[in-house]
Protein backbone atom coordinates (compact mmCIF):
# COMPACT_ATOMS: atom_id res chain seq x y z
CA MET A 1 -5.17 9.09 -31.32
CA LYS A 2 -1.70 7.86 -30.23
CA ILE A 3 0.46 8.60 -27.22
CA THR A 4 3.63 10.27 -28.38
CA ALA A 5 5.48 11.01 -25.19
CA VAL A 6 5.46 10.29 -21.43
CA GLU A 7 6.72 13.04 -19.18
CA THR A 8 7.45 12.71 -15.42
CA TYR A 9 7.67 15.34 -12.74
CA VAL A 10 8.50 15.18 -9.01
CA ALA A 11 7.56 17.98 -6.60
CA GLY A 12 9.40 18.21 -3.28
CA ASN A 13 6.49 18.25 -0.87
CA PRO A 14 8.27 18.11 2.51
CA TRP A 15 6.46 15.12 4.01
CA LYS A 16 6.13 13.07 0.80
CA ASN A 17 7.61 13.82 -2.61
CA TRP A 18 4.80 13.87 -5.23
CA THR A 19 5.25 11.99 -8.52
CA PHE A 20 3.26 12.95 -11.62
CA ALA A 21 3.03 11.81 -15.21
CA VAL A 22 1.78 13.65 -18.32
CA LEU A 23 0.95 11.84 -21.51
CA ARG A 24 1.24 13.72 -24.80
CA THR A 25 -0.60 12.73 -28.03
CA ASP A 26 -0.44 13.30 -31.74
CA GLU A 27 -3.69 15.23 -31.58
CA GLY A 28 -2.41 17.90 -29.15
CA LEU A 29 -4.32 16.65 -26.10
CA HIS A 30 -2.58 15.61 -22.88
CA GLY A 31 -3.53 13.74 -19.80
CA VAL A 32 -2.23 13.95 -16.23
CA GLY A 33 -1.83 11.20 -13.63
CA GLU A 34 -0.17 10.71 -10.31
CA GLY A 35 1.85 7.80 -8.76
CA THR A 36 2.98 9.09 -5.36
CA VAL A 37 4.14 6.63 -2.70
CA ASN A 38 6.07 7.28 0.57
CA LEU A 39 9.90 7.51 0.14
CA PHE A 40 10.06 5.91 -3.40
CA ALA A 41 9.23 8.93 -5.56
CA LYS A 42 12.27 8.61 -7.81
CA THR A 43 11.82 4.80 -7.94
CA VAL A 44 8.27 5.23 -9.23
CA GLU A 45 9.42 7.93 -11.67
CA ALA A 46 12.00 5.47 -12.99
CA GLY A 47 9.27 2.82 -13.25
CA ILE A 48 7.06 5.12 -15.32
CA ARG A 49 9.97 5.87 -17.67
CA GLU A 50 10.83 2.20 -18.02
CA LEU A 51 7.18 1.37 -18.75
CA SER A 52 6.95 4.18 -21.26
CA GLN A 53 8.35 1.93 -24.01
CA LEU A 54 5.11 -0.02 -23.74
CA VAL A 55 3.03 3.19 -23.80
CA VAL A 56 4.40 5.39 -26.62
CA GLY A 57 2.44 4.59 -29.79
CA ALA A 58 -0.47 3.13 -27.86
CA ASP A 59 -4.10 4.19 -28.17
CA PRO A 60 -5.00 5.89 -24.84
CA PHE A 61 -8.65 4.86 -25.28
CA ARG A 62 -7.72 1.17 -24.99
CA ILE A 63 -7.05 1.47 -21.25
CA GLU A 64 -7.71 -2.09 -20.22
CA ALA A 65 -5.43 -3.58 -22.87
CA LEU A 66 -2.67 -1.05 -22.03
CA VAL A 67 -2.87 -1.67 -18.28
CA GLN A 68 -2.71 -5.40 -18.79
CA ARG A 69 0.41 -4.94 -20.80
CA LEU A 70 1.97 -2.76 -18.11
CA TRP A 71 1.33 -5.41 -15.48
CA GLU A 72 2.12 -8.55 -17.56
CA HIS A 73 5.05 -7.66 -19.80
CA PRO A 74 7.56 -7.17 -16.94
CA TYR A 75 6.55 -10.66 -15.70
CA THR A 76 7.07 -9.24 -12.20
CA HIS A 77 4.43 -8.05 -9.82
CA GLY A 78 6.25 -5.09 -8.21
CA GLY A 79 3.52 -4.50 -5.59
CA GLN A 80 2.86 -0.92 -4.54
CA ILE A 81 5.75 0.64 -6.52
CA HIS A 82 4.74 -1.11 -9.73
CA GLY A 83 1.11 -0.20 -9.05
CA CYS A 84 1.91 3.48 -8.58
CA ALA A 85 3.88 3.61 -11.84
CA VAL A 86 0.95 1.96 -13.72
CA ALA A 87 -1.56 4.20 -11.96
CA ALA A 88 0.08 7.43 -13.12
CA ILE A 89 -0.15 6.24 -16.77
CA GLU A 90 -3.64 4.73 -16.38
CA ALA A 91 -5.09 7.88 -14.76
CA ALA A 92 -3.60 10.04 -17.50
CA CYS A 93 -5.29 7.81 -20.11
CA TRP A 94 -8.69 8.32 -18.40
CA ASP A 95 -8.00 12.01 -18.28
CA LEU A 96 -7.19 12.00 -22.00
CA LYS A 97 -10.24 9.93 -22.90
CA GLY A 98 -12.52 12.21 -20.89
CA LYS A 99 -11.12 15.31 -22.51
CA ALA A 100 -11.35 13.84 -26.01
CA LEU A 101 -15.01 12.90 -25.57
CA GLY A 102 -15.89 16.04 -23.56
CA VAL A 103 -17.06 14.19 -20.45
CA PRO A 104 -15.91 13.73 -16.83
CA VAL A 105 -14.22 10.43 -16.07
CA TYR A 106 -17.16 9.34 -13.93
CA ASP A 107 -19.42 9.42 -17.01
CA LEU A 108 -17.11 6.73 -18.50
CA MET A 109 -17.57 4.57 -15.37
CA GLY A 110 -21.35 4.48 -15.00
CA GLY A 111 -22.34 8.15 -14.63
CA LYS A 112 -22.97 10.42 -11.73
CA VAL A 113 -24.75 9.06 -8.59
CA ARG A 114 -24.23 12.18 -6.36
CA GLU A 115 -23.26 15.83 -6.59
CA THR A 116 -20.98 15.92 -3.55
CA ILE A 117 -19.09 13.54 -1.32
CA ARG A 118 -18.49 14.00 2.41
CA ALA A 119 -14.83 14.58 3.29
CA TYR A 120 -12.72 13.91 6.35
CA ALA A 121 -9.61 15.87 7.19
CA ASN A 122 -6.17 14.35 7.53
CA GLY A 123 -2.76 15.86 7.84
CA TRP A 124 -4.14 18.54 10.18
CA TYR A 125 -2.29 17.46 13.39
CA GLN A 126 1.20 18.74 12.53
CA GLY A 127 2.60 19.50 15.94
CA GLU A 128 3.54 17.93 19.25
CA ARG A 129 2.09 14.65 20.41
CA THR A 130 0.16 16.06 23.35
CA PRO A 131 -3.56 16.12 24.14
CA GLU A 132 -3.35 19.91 24.18
CA SER A 133 -1.84 20.20 20.70
CA PHE A 134 -4.25 17.72 19.16
CA SER A 135 -7.26 19.37 20.86
CA LYS A 136 -6.37 22.83 19.68
CA ARG A 137 -5.83 21.81 16.11
CA ALA A 138 -8.98 19.63 16.06
CA LYS A 139 -11.06 22.68 17.01
CA GLU A 140 -9.48 24.59 14.13
CA VAL A 141 -10.33 21.82 11.69
CA VAL A 142 -13.99 21.71 12.76
CA ALA A 143 -14.19 25.55 12.54
CA ARG A 144 -13.25 25.17 8.82
CA GLY A 145 -16.40 23.15 8.21
CA TYR A 146 -15.20 19.52 8.60
CA THR A 147 -17.57 17.05 10.18
CA ALA A 148 -15.03 14.19 10.34
CA LEU A 149 -11.27 13.95 10.96
CA LYS A 150 -8.61 11.23 11.20
CA PHE A 151 -5.46 11.02 13.28
CA ASP A 152 -2.81 8.70 14.57
CA PRO A 153 -2.24 9.28 18.32
CA PHE A 154 0.16 6.37 18.84
CA GLY A 155 3.55 8.02 18.29
CA LYS A 156 6.21 5.57 17.09
CA ALA A 157 4.49 2.45 18.52
CA ARG A 158 5.39 -0.89 16.93
CA ARG A 159 3.65 -4.14 17.96
CA THR A 160 3.16 -3.18 21.60
CA MET A 161 3.01 -0.13 23.80
CA SER A 162 4.09 0.70 27.33
CA SER A 163 1.22 1.41 29.69
CA ARG A 164 2.37 5.08 29.91
CA ASP A 165 2.49 5.53 26.12
CA GLU A 166 -0.83 3.77 25.65
CA ALA A 167 -2.41 6.07 28.28
CA LEU A 168 -1.07 9.11 26.38
CA SER A 169 -2.61 7.81 23.20
CA ILE A 170 -6.04 7.33 24.84
CA ASP A 171 -5.74 10.78 26.44
CA ILE A 172 -5.23 12.29 22.97
CA VAL A 173 -8.32 10.54 21.56
CA ALA A 174 -10.35 11.68 24.60
CA ALA A 175 -9.06 15.24 24.15
CA VAL A 176 -10.03 15.37 20.55
CA ARG A 177 -13.45 14.00 21.25
CA GLU A 178 -14.01 16.58 23.95
CA ALA A 179 -12.75 19.35 21.61
CA VAL A 180 -15.02 18.52 18.69
CA GLY A 181 -18.15 17.29 20.48
CA PRO A 182 -20.24 14.15 19.88
CA ARG A 183 -21.49 14.87 16.32
CA VAL A 184 -18.09 14.99 14.61
CA ASP A 185 -16.81 11.60 13.35
CA LEU A 186 -13.34 10.49 14.45
CA MET A 187 -11.22 7.98 12.59
CA ILE A 188 -8.32 6.48 14.53
CA GLU A 189 -5.34 5.56 12.37
CA GLY A 190 -3.23 2.55 13.36
CA HIS A 191 -0.64 2.46 10.54
CA CYS A 192 -0.26 -1.33 10.86
CA ARG A 193 1.45 -0.84 14.23
CA PHE A 194 0.06 -3.52 16.53
CA SER A 195 -0.14 -7.23 17.35
CA VAL A 196 -3.62 -8.66 17.59
CA PRO A 197 -3.86 -8.57 21.44
CA GLN A 198 -2.53 -5.01 21.56
CA ALA A 199 -4.90 -3.90 18.82
CA LEU A 200 -7.88 -5.36 20.62
CA GLN A 201 -6.84 -3.78 23.89
CA ILE A 202 -6.63 -0.37 22.23
CA ALA A 203 -9.98 -0.92 20.45
CA ARG A 204 -11.63 -1.53 23.75
CA LYS A 205 -10.14 1.63 25.27
CA ILE A 206 -11.08 3.91 22.40
CA ALA A 207 -14.58 2.52 22.03
CA PRO A 208 -16.06 4.90 24.66
CA TYR A 209 -15.07 7.82 22.42
CA ASP A 210 -17.25 6.48 19.57
CA PRO A 211 -14.80 6.44 16.67
CA MET A 212 -16.17 5.80 13.16
CA TRP A 213 -13.37 3.27 12.65
CA PHE A 214 -10.00 1.92 13.75
CA GLU A 215 -7.77 1.90 10.67
CA GLU A 216 -5.18 -0.76 9.85
CA PRO A 217 -4.45 -1.71 13.48
CA VAL A 218 -2.42 -4.74 12.45
CA PRO A 219 0.02 -5.41 9.51
CA PHE A 220 -1.91 -5.56 6.24
CA LYS A 221 0.01 -8.55 4.96
CA ASN A 222 -1.63 -10.76 7.60
CA THR A 223 -5.23 -11.05 6.44
CA ASP A 224 -5.96 -13.57 9.15
CA ALA A 225 -4.93 -11.10 11.86
CA ILE A 226 -7.10 -8.35 10.30
CA LYS A 227 -10.13 -10.72 10.37
CA ARG A 228 -9.45 -11.72 14.03
CA VAL A 229 -9.30 -8.10 15.13
CA ALA A 230 -12.42 -7.17 13.09
CA GLU A 231 -14.34 -10.08 14.56
CA ALA A 232 -13.59 -9.18 18.18
CA SER A 233 -13.18 -5.38 18.11
CA PRO A 234 -15.98 -3.17 19.55
CA VAL A 235 -14.94 -0.58 16.91
CA ASN A 236 -15.40 -0.97 13.19
CA ILE A 237 -12.11 -1.89 11.45
CA ALA A 238 -11.13 -0.26 8.14
CA THR A 239 -8.32 -1.48 5.95
CA GLY A 240 -7.10 -1.92 2.39
CA GLU A 241 -4.96 1.10 1.57
CA SER A 242 -1.79 -1.01 1.31
CA PHE A 243 -3.24 -3.74 -0.89
CA SER A 244 -1.85 -3.83 -4.45
CA SER A 245 -4.25 -6.21 -6.22
CA LEU A 246 -7.92 -7.04 -6.56
CA HIS A 247 -7.06 -10.52 -5.27
CA ASP A 248 -5.97 -9.10 -1.86
CA PHE A 249 -9.48 -7.65 -1.42
CA ALA A 250 -11.12 -10.88 -2.61
CA GLU A 251 -9.24 -12.77 0.10
CA LEU A 252 -10.16 -10.25 2.75
CA MET A 253 -13.83 -10.35 1.81
CA GLN A 254 -14.26 -14.12 1.86
CA ASP A 255 -16.12 -13.98 5.09
CA ALA A 256 -17.01 -10.29 5.21
CA LYS A 257 -15.67 -9.52 8.68
CA VAL A 258 -14.46 -6.15 7.45
CA HIS A 259 -17.07 -3.86 5.92
CA ILE A 260 -15.14 -0.60 5.45
CA LEU A 261 -12.61 -0.96 2.58
CA GLN A 262 -9.96 1.67 1.74
CA PRO A 263 -8.64 0.93 -1.75
CA GLU A 264 -5.78 3.13 -2.94
CA ASN A 265 -5.78 4.18 -6.61
CA MET A 266 -1.99 4.38 -6.66
CA ASN A 267 -1.14 1.01 -5.21
CA LEU A 268 -3.81 -0.84 -7.26
CA GLY A 269 -2.59 0.53 -10.59
CA GLY A 270 -5.26 3.13 -11.20
CA LEU A 271 -8.92 3.98 -11.26
CA TRP A 272 -10.40 0.92 -12.90
CA THR A 273 -9.14 -1.64 -10.43
CA CYS A 274 -10.20 0.60 -7.64
CA ARG A 275 -13.61 0.74 -9.23
CA GLN A 276 -13.60 -3.09 -9.33
CA VAL A 277 -12.82 -3.19 -5.60
CA CYS A 278 -15.78 -0.88 -4.99
CA ALA A 279 -18.04 -3.35 -6.88
CA LEU A 280 -16.56 -6.24 -4.87
CA ALA A 281 -17.41 -4.38 -1.69
CA GLU A 282 -20.95 -3.72 -2.92
CA ALA A 283 -21.41 -7.47 -3.48
CA HIS A 284 -20.59 -8.05 0.17
CA HIS A 285 -22.78 -5.19 1.46
CA ALA A 286 -19.62 -3.23 2.35
CA VAL A 287 -18.71 0.43 1.88
CA VAL A 288 -15.58 2.10 0.50
CA ALA A 289 -13.58 5.05 1.76
CA PRO A 290 -10.64 5.23 -0.61
CA HIS A 291 -7.25 6.17 0.71
CA ASN A 292 -5.87 9.51 -0.42
CA ALA A 293 -2.68 10.81 1.17
CA GLN A 294 -0.84 12.10 -1.82
CA GLY A 295 -1.11 15.13 -4.08
CA PRO A 296 -3.95 16.95 -5.76
CA VAL A 297 -4.19 14.72 -8.83
CA SER A 298 -4.80 11.80 -6.45
CA THR A 299 -7.64 13.75 -4.93
CA ALA A 300 -9.13 14.40 -8.36
CA MET A 301 -8.96 10.68 -9.17
CA CYS A 302 -10.76 9.78 -5.93
CA VAL A 303 -13.48 12.36 -6.54
CA GLN A 304 -14.18 10.93 -9.96
CA LEU A 305 -14.80 7.59 -8.35
CA ALA A 306 -16.96 9.23 -5.71
CA GLY A 307 -19.09 10.55 -8.53
CA CYS A 308 -19.97 7.13 -9.87
CA VAL A 309 -19.73 4.64 -6.97
CA PRO A 310 -23.01 4.10 -5.07
CA ASN A 311 -21.38 2.56 -1.94
CA TYR A 312 -18.88 5.35 -1.35
CA LEU A 313 -18.90 6.30 2.33
CA ILE A 314 -16.51 9.29 2.66
CA GLN A 315 -13.34 10.73 1.15
CA GLU A 316 -10.02 11.33 2.83
CA PHE A 317 -8.82 14.88 2.15
CA PHE A 318 -5.27 16.34 2.72
CA ASP A 319 -5.30 19.20 0.29
CA GLU A 320 -6.10 21.98 2.74
CA PHE A 321 -3.28 20.93 5.04
CA ASN A 322 -0.52 20.67 2.45
CA VAL A 323 2.30 23.16 1.91
CA GLY A 324 1.28 26.64 0.84
CA TRP A 325 2.69 26.39 -2.69
CA ALA A 326 0.46 23.38 -3.45
CA LYS A 327 -2.33 25.68 -4.52
CA ASP A 328 -0.14 27.02 -7.34
CA LEU A 329 0.55 23.52 -8.63
CA VAL A 330 -2.86 22.84 -10.15
CA LYS A 331 -5.95 24.35 -11.69
CA TYR A 332 -8.50 22.55 -9.58
CA HIS A 333 -12.20 22.06 -10.04
CA VAL A 334 -12.91 20.23 -6.74
CA ARG A 335 -14.19 22.58 -4.02
CA PHE A 336 -14.59 21.94 -0.29
CA GLU A 337 -17.56 23.53 1.45
CA ASN A 338 -19.55 22.54 4.54
CA GLY A 339 -17.83 19.24 4.95
CA GLU A 340 -18.36 18.18 1.32
CA LEU A 341 -16.33 17.99 -1.85
CA THR A 342 -18.03 18.87 -5.06
CA ILE A 343 -18.00 16.40 -7.99
CA PRO A 344 -16.82 18.57 -10.97
CA ASP A 345 -18.58 18.47 -14.29
CA VAL A 346 -15.55 19.32 -16.48
CA PRO A 347 -14.07 16.79 -18.96
CA GLY A 348 -11.41 14.35 -17.74
CA LEU A 349 -10.20 14.23 -14.17
CA GLY A 350 -11.07 17.90 -13.46
CA VAL A 351 -7.54 18.94 -12.63
CA GLU A 352 -4.66 20.46 -14.61
CA LEU A 353 -1.01 20.58 -13.62
CA ASN A 354 0.72 23.95 -13.91
CA ILE A 355 3.94 22.62 -15.51
CA GLU A 356 5.75 25.95 -15.40
CA ALA A 357 4.95 26.38 -11.73
CA LEU A 358 5.90 22.78 -11.06
CA LYS A 359 9.36 23.34 -12.50
CA LYS A 360 9.90 26.20 -10.02
CA LEU A 361 8.80 24.30 -6.91
CA PRO A 362 11.16 22.77 -4.41
CA PRO A 363 12.81 19.74 -6.06
CA TYR A 364 12.85 16.16 -4.96
CA ASP A 365 14.54 15.66 -1.58
CA PRO A 366 15.33 12.10 -0.40
CA GLY A 367 14.47 13.19 3.10
CA ASN A 368 10.90 14.01 2.19
CA TYR A 369 9.04 11.08 3.67
CA LEU A 370 7.12 10.12 6.85
CA PRO A 371 9.21 8.06 9.24
CA LEU A 372 6.20 6.53 10.94
CA PHE A 373 8.19 4.57 13.51
CA GLU A 374 10.32 7.46 14.80
CA ASP A 375 9.59 10.19 17.38
CA GLY A 376 8.12 13.39 15.95
CA TRP A 377 6.82 12.08 12.62
CA GLU A 378 3.59 13.89 13.37
CA ARG A 379 5.28 17.20 12.61
CA ARG A 380 5.50 16.12 8.93
CA GLU A 381 8.86 17.82 8.41
CA GLY A 382 10.49 14.85 6.70
CA LYS A 383 13.78 13.28 7.62
CA GLY A 384 15.52 15.96 5.58
CA GLY A 385 14.36 18.51 8.18
CA LYS A 386 12.70 20.87 5.76
CA LYS A 387 9.49 22.41 6.97
CA GLY A 388 6.58 23.19 4.59
């Protein structure tokens, strides 16, 4: 089998344009992948097309050799953007291989270790930054069957917060805890906002509300700062979504101060490196909760990993809180029920893009991104002002 063409598509999801790749082959099979990243959808799409000269004519079964070529031939490590372009191609190869052999991707990575994976909701708090708005929406999420949910209560905070703004943030956490009760897990998102002292101050103030973790409280580039916060925080620290290499995780895990890792398939260049991160975590008695804040193919990729990774803790899930037309974009074999996602048993990734529907969806809009350091980003309307 040889790859004969690489196609790219961008869907104008209002809070983050989604970037997809489809690989065609000389045997009539095709594979789908995703390479979504905030703001740089067209940049990643261009990256996929530039890399396609290294892909067309290749054997999609030889995934490791192909991925090495995609990283090494440019002689540039383009970080997250490069990783997302590689990931879209790599995932499509796994999808092709699974379809050709008639097995799910997880069977190619060790075989199934579970039937379902627990999911936590994200993207659910589209609205005003008030305790009342967060509380109301949290109750709605739990009523839909979720047993865990994540949110960022910190507005546009950057490095420090005023006492008034910090108090509002803590009030939001308290309101959500009161709304959902003690048995629902809460994850508090930090989006790399804070300095070490500010992060530790916040960690101490949210601790009484028993969060499952405090996510990326300090900039991910500063591994030393992450470790300092993790060592002193009364709340578990989770991080890793922004890392773009296995080496980043190796450095973080040198002294195992962080034991909840959040590898991102896109940034890392695909499923196999993410699977390697999971093994690295296992070697340090840590667990993984892979990041997933993109489109439905990203979810399918994560669920395949959940099927074969023994130290998988929980899966981030946006799909039920996306724009209404998203359900028409894919034929999807992952189901959510009673707080769990099913691990599908169909060949490949377990998802198919509806190309004809995709062509009719809202197009790329440069304003479709999350401006995380501006007021009102929680509404997820995008800078372009288009609502989903």
